[in-house]
Amino acid sequence: MELFLNGEKINYPVQNDTTWEQMTEELLKSKIKPNHGIVKITVDGREDFACMFERKSEIIPDTIKVVEFYTKDLAAITSDGFLKAKVLISDMKAEILKTAEFFRQGEVQDASKRLISVFEAFSPLISFINTVGQSFVLDFTKIAFDDNYSIRGKIESFLKTFEDLVKSQEKKDYIELADFLEYQLLDDMSGWEKIVATLQASLAGGKKAES
């Protein structure tokens, strides 16, 4: 297997029992510049960021020929990634309000389609936040969200919202569902904004401390 970092070949011995997580952590420690994070991975020419998350505990298949890692420095990730996350959350807020309105008007089919788009938008948001944590080795259990929650605890609390939302859907009480969207989920989105801002401030503080 050949490994490349930002277009340059690097030496890293991949053993038969090496997992994706082990390789990534080792590269972050020994090959990747300080204050740099992984922003893209391609496996045999195909982008595959899931190997850092969903499949991180899997052993790297010996059939893979080329793995390429791409990184950016802290300033680039902050200016690009956090800005996109804030725009995404803002767009999701608007979509949540529209979805609630459609449910109240009895336009269930259109409302359900909009709700699916809201759910789908959470995937890149959560992926980005996980990427920040993985790339910069942040312990979300030690970063405070407020006096009661860490970042990790608050994320888990927010994810439970989806379970409650599904229960509201199953009851087919669309007025209740509209209320849940407009008040609970919309409030949660402000919490996601705070998480993004907290992580951005945490990374900026780390950068200042090391400069």
Protein backbone atom coordinates (compact mmCIF):
# COMPACT_ATOMS: atom_id res chain seq x y z
CA MET A 1 0.00 0.00 0.00
CA GLU A 2 1.18 3.49 -0.87
CA LEU A 3 0.35 6.49 1.30
CA PHE A 4 0.34 10.11 0.17
CA LEU A 5 0.05 13.27 2.22
CA ASN A 6 -0.98 16.38 0.30
CA GLY A 7 0.33 14.81 -2.91
CA GLU A 8 3.67 13.60 -1.52
CA LYS A 9 4.44 9.95 -0.85
CA ILE A 10 5.18 9.12 2.80
CA ASN A 11 6.59 6.07 4.52
CA TYR A 12 4.32 4.36 7.00
CA PRO A 13 4.38 0.60 7.63
CA VAL A 14 0.82 -0.74 7.55
CA GLN A 15 0.76 -4.04 9.44
CA ASN A 16 -1.76 -6.82 8.81
CA ASP A 17 -3.77 -5.87 11.91
CA THR A 18 -3.58 -2.06 11.56
CA THR A 19 -6.95 -0.32 11.88
CA TRP A 20 -7.96 2.91 10.19
CA GLU A 21 -8.03 4.63 13.57
CA GLN A 22 -4.51 3.48 14.47
CA MET A 23 -3.10 4.69 11.17
CA THR A 24 -4.89 8.05 11.35
CA GLU A 25 -3.77 8.72 14.92
CA GLU A 26 -0.18 7.81 14.11
CA LEU A 27 -0.13 10.08 11.06
CA LEU A 28 -1.56 12.96 13.11
CA LYS A 29 1.20 12.47 15.68
CA SER A 30 4.19 11.85 13.45
CA LYS A 31 3.55 12.95 9.86
CA ILE A 32 1.00 15.75 9.83
CA LYS A 33 2.08 19.26 10.79
CA PRO A 34 0.93 20.67 14.14
CA ASN A 35 -2.32 22.64 13.90
CA HIS A 36 -3.23 20.76 10.72
CA GLY A 37 -6.31 18.59 10.38
CA ILE A 38 -7.38 15.97 7.86
CA VAL A 39 -10.03 17.39 5.54
CA LYS A 40 -10.15 14.70 2.84
CA ILE A 41 -9.22 11.04 2.39
CA THR A 42 -9.28 9.08 -0.84
CA VAL A 43 -8.96 5.31 -1.03
CA ASP A 44 -7.90 4.00 -4.43
CA GLY A 45 -9.08 7.24 -6.00
CA ARG A 46 -12.45 7.46 -4.25
CA GLU A 47 -13.20 9.90 -1.46
CA ASP A 48 -13.85 7.91 1.71
CA PHE A 49 -14.08 9.89 4.95
CA ALA A 50 -16.13 7.14 6.61
CA CYS A 51 -12.93 5.22 7.34
CA MET A 52 -12.17 7.85 10.00
CA PHE A 53 -15.53 7.43 11.71
CA GLU A 54 -18.01 4.66 10.92
CA ARG A 55 -15.29 2.19 9.95
CA LYS A 56 -12.43 3.46 12.09
CA SER A 57 -12.16 0.22 14.10
CA GLU A 58 -11.95 -1.97 10.99
CA ILE A 59 -8.64 -3.48 9.92
CA ILE A 60 -7.35 -1.89 6.71
CA PRO A 61 -7.91 -4.35 3.83
CA ASP A 62 -4.70 -5.59 2.18
CA THR A 63 -6.38 -5.15 -1.21
CA ILE A 64 -6.12 -1.34 -1.00
CA LYS A 65 -3.33 0.08 -3.14
CA VAL A 66 -3.32 3.84 -2.52
CA VAL A 67 -4.57 6.00 0.36
CA GLU A 68 -4.26 9.78 0.08
CA PHE A 69 -4.63 12.23 2.96
CA TYR A 70 -5.22 15.93 2.51
CA THR A 71 -4.85 18.45 5.31
CA LYS A 72 -5.40 22.14 5.95
CA ASP A 73 -4.06 24.39 8.65
CA LEU A 74 -6.20 25.68 11.48
CA ALA A 75 -6.89 29.06 9.88
CA ALA A 76 -8.15 27.48 6.65
CA ILE A 77 -10.37 24.97 8.44
CA THR A 78 -11.74 27.69 10.71
CA SER A 79 -12.56 30.09 7.88
CA ASP A 80 -14.02 27.43 5.58
CA GLY A 81 -15.60 24.75 7.75
CA PHE A 82 -17.07 26.84 10.53
CA LEU A 83 -18.51 29.36 8.10
CA LYS A 84 -20.22 26.59 6.13
CA ALA A 85 -21.57 25.05 9.35
CA LYS A 86 -23.08 28.37 10.43
CA VAL A 87 -24.71 28.88 7.04
CA LEU A 88 -26.04 25.32 7.11
CA ILE A 89 -27.59 25.79 10.55
CA SER A 90 -29.18 29.07 9.48
CA ASP A 91 -30.69 27.37 6.43
CA MET A 92 -31.93 24.50 8.59
CA LYS A 93 -33.68 26.94 10.93
CA ALA A 94 -35.58 28.45 8.04
CA GLU A 95 -36.50 25.00 6.72
CA ILE A 96 -37.72 23.87 10.15
CA LEU A 97 -40.07 26.86 10.38
CA LYS A 98 -41.42 26.18 6.89
CA THR A 99 -41.91 22.50 7.73
CA ALA A 100 -43.83 23.35 10.90
CA GLU A 101 -46.05 25.71 8.91
CA PHE A 102 -46.83 23.03 6.33
CA PHE A 103 -47.80 20.56 9.07
CA ARG A 104 -50.12 23.14 10.65
CA GLN A 105 -51.77 23.75 7.29
CA GLY A 106 -52.39 20.02 6.87
CA GLU A 107 -50.03 19.70 3.91
CA VAL A 108 -48.55 16.54 5.36
CA GLN A 109 -46.92 15.18 2.21
CA ASP A 110 -44.97 18.36 1.48
CA ALA A 111 -44.15 18.79 5.16
CA SER A 112 -42.80 15.23 5.37
CA LYS A 113 -40.52 15.84 2.38
CA ARG A 114 -39.16 18.98 4.01
CA LEU A 115 -38.62 17.10 7.25
CA ILE A 116 -36.53 14.52 5.42
CA SER A 117 -34.36 17.29 3.99
CA VAL A 118 -33.87 18.64 7.54
CA PHE A 119 -32.77 15.19 8.75
CA GLU A 120 -30.39 14.81 5.82
CA ALA A 121 -28.79 18.18 6.58
CA PHE A 122 -27.79 16.97 10.04
CA SER A 123 -25.41 14.39 8.56
CA PRO A 124 -22.79 16.85 7.19
CA LEU A 125 -23.13 19.02 10.31
CA ILE A 126 -22.42 16.15 12.70
CA SER A 127 -19.73 14.82 10.38
CA PHE A 128 -17.98 18.19 10.40
CA ILE A 129 -18.08 18.46 14.19
CA ASN A 130 -16.71 14.91 14.53
CA THR A 131 -14.02 15.75 11.99
CA VAL A 132 -12.91 18.75 14.04
CA GLY A 133 -12.71 16.59 17.15
CA GLN A 134 -10.81 13.80 15.42
CA SER A 135 -8.45 16.02 13.46
CA PHE A 136 -7.42 18.17 16.41
CA VAL A 137 -7.69 15.46 19.09
CA LEU A 138 -10.32 17.38 21.08
CA ASP A 139 -11.94 15.71 24.08
CA PHE A 140 -15.57 16.81 23.84
CA THR A 141 -16.20 15.53 27.37
CA LYS A 142 -13.83 18.19 28.73
CA ILE A 143 -15.07 21.19 26.72
CA ALA A 144 -17.95 22.93 28.51
CA PHE A 145 -21.16 23.78 26.68
CA ASP A 146 -22.69 25.38 29.77
CA ASP A 147 -22.75 24.77 33.53
CA ASN A 148 -24.64 21.51 33.11
CA TYR A 149 -23.29 19.93 29.94
CA SER A 150 -20.05 19.23 28.17
CA ILE A 151 -20.02 19.42 24.38
CA ARG A 152 -20.32 15.62 24.25
CA GLY A 153 -23.20 15.58 26.73
CA LYS A 154 -25.08 18.26 24.85
CA ILE A 155 -24.63 16.51 21.50
CA GLU A 156 -26.05 13.33 23.03
CA SER A 157 -28.95 15.35 24.44
CA PHE A 158 -29.65 16.86 21.03
CA LEU A 159 -29.56 13.47 19.34
CA LYS A 160 -32.23 12.26 21.76
CA THR A 161 -34.45 14.97 20.27
CA PHE A 162 -34.64 12.86 17.11
CA GLU A 163 -36.10 9.96 19.09
CA ASP A 164 -38.78 12.25 20.51
CA LEU A 165 -39.45 13.62 17.04
CA VAL A 166 -39.97 10.12 15.64
CA LYS A 167 -42.45 9.39 18.44
CA SER A 168 -44.41 12.53 17.51
CA GLN A 169 -44.48 11.38 13.89
CA GLU A 170 -45.74 7.94 14.85
CA LYS A 171 -48.66 9.49 16.75
CA LYS A 172 -49.63 11.40 13.57
CA ASP A 173 -50.54 14.40 15.67
CA TYR A 174 -49.28 16.95 13.18
CA ILE A 175 -50.08 19.99 15.32
CA GLU A 176 -47.99 18.51 18.11
CA LEU A 177 -45.28 17.72 15.58
CA ALA A 178 -45.38 21.31 14.30
CA ASP A 179 -45.03 22.61 17.87
CA PHE A 180 -42.12 20.24 18.47
CA LEU A 181 -40.34 21.48 15.35
CA GLU A 182 -40.95 25.16 15.98
CA TYR A 183 -40.06 25.20 19.66
CA GLN A 184 -37.90 22.20 20.59
CA LEU A 185 -35.95 21.53 17.39
CA LEU A 186 -35.54 25.21 16.55
CA ASP A 187 -34.17 25.82 20.05
CA ASP A 188 -31.81 22.87 19.57
CA MET A 189 -30.49 24.51 16.40
CA SER A 190 -29.43 27.52 18.46
CA GLY A 191 -27.60 25.02 20.65
CA TRP A 192 -25.81 23.61 17.61
CA GLU A 193 -24.78 27.17 16.76
CA LYS A 194 -23.32 27.48 20.24
CA ILE A 195 -21.43 24.20 19.83
CA VAL A 196 -19.89 25.44 16.59
CA ALA A 197 -18.95 28.77 18.19
CA THR A 198 -17.51 27.02 21.28
CA LEU A 199 -15.34 24.71 19.19
CA GLN A 200 -14.20 27.61 17.02
CA ALA A 201 -13.21 29.58 20.12
CA SER A 202 -11.49 26.52 21.62
CA LEU A 203 -9.34 26.01 18.53
CA ALA A 204 -8.56 29.72 18.26
CA GLY A 205 -7.47 29.70 21.90
CA GLY A 206 -5.24 26.69 21.30
CA LYS A 207 -3.64 28.43 18.34
CA LYS A 208 -2.89 31.54 20.41
CA ALA A 209 -1.45 29.45 23.22
CA GLU A 210 1.00 27.73 20.87
CA SER A 211 2.04 30.87 18.94
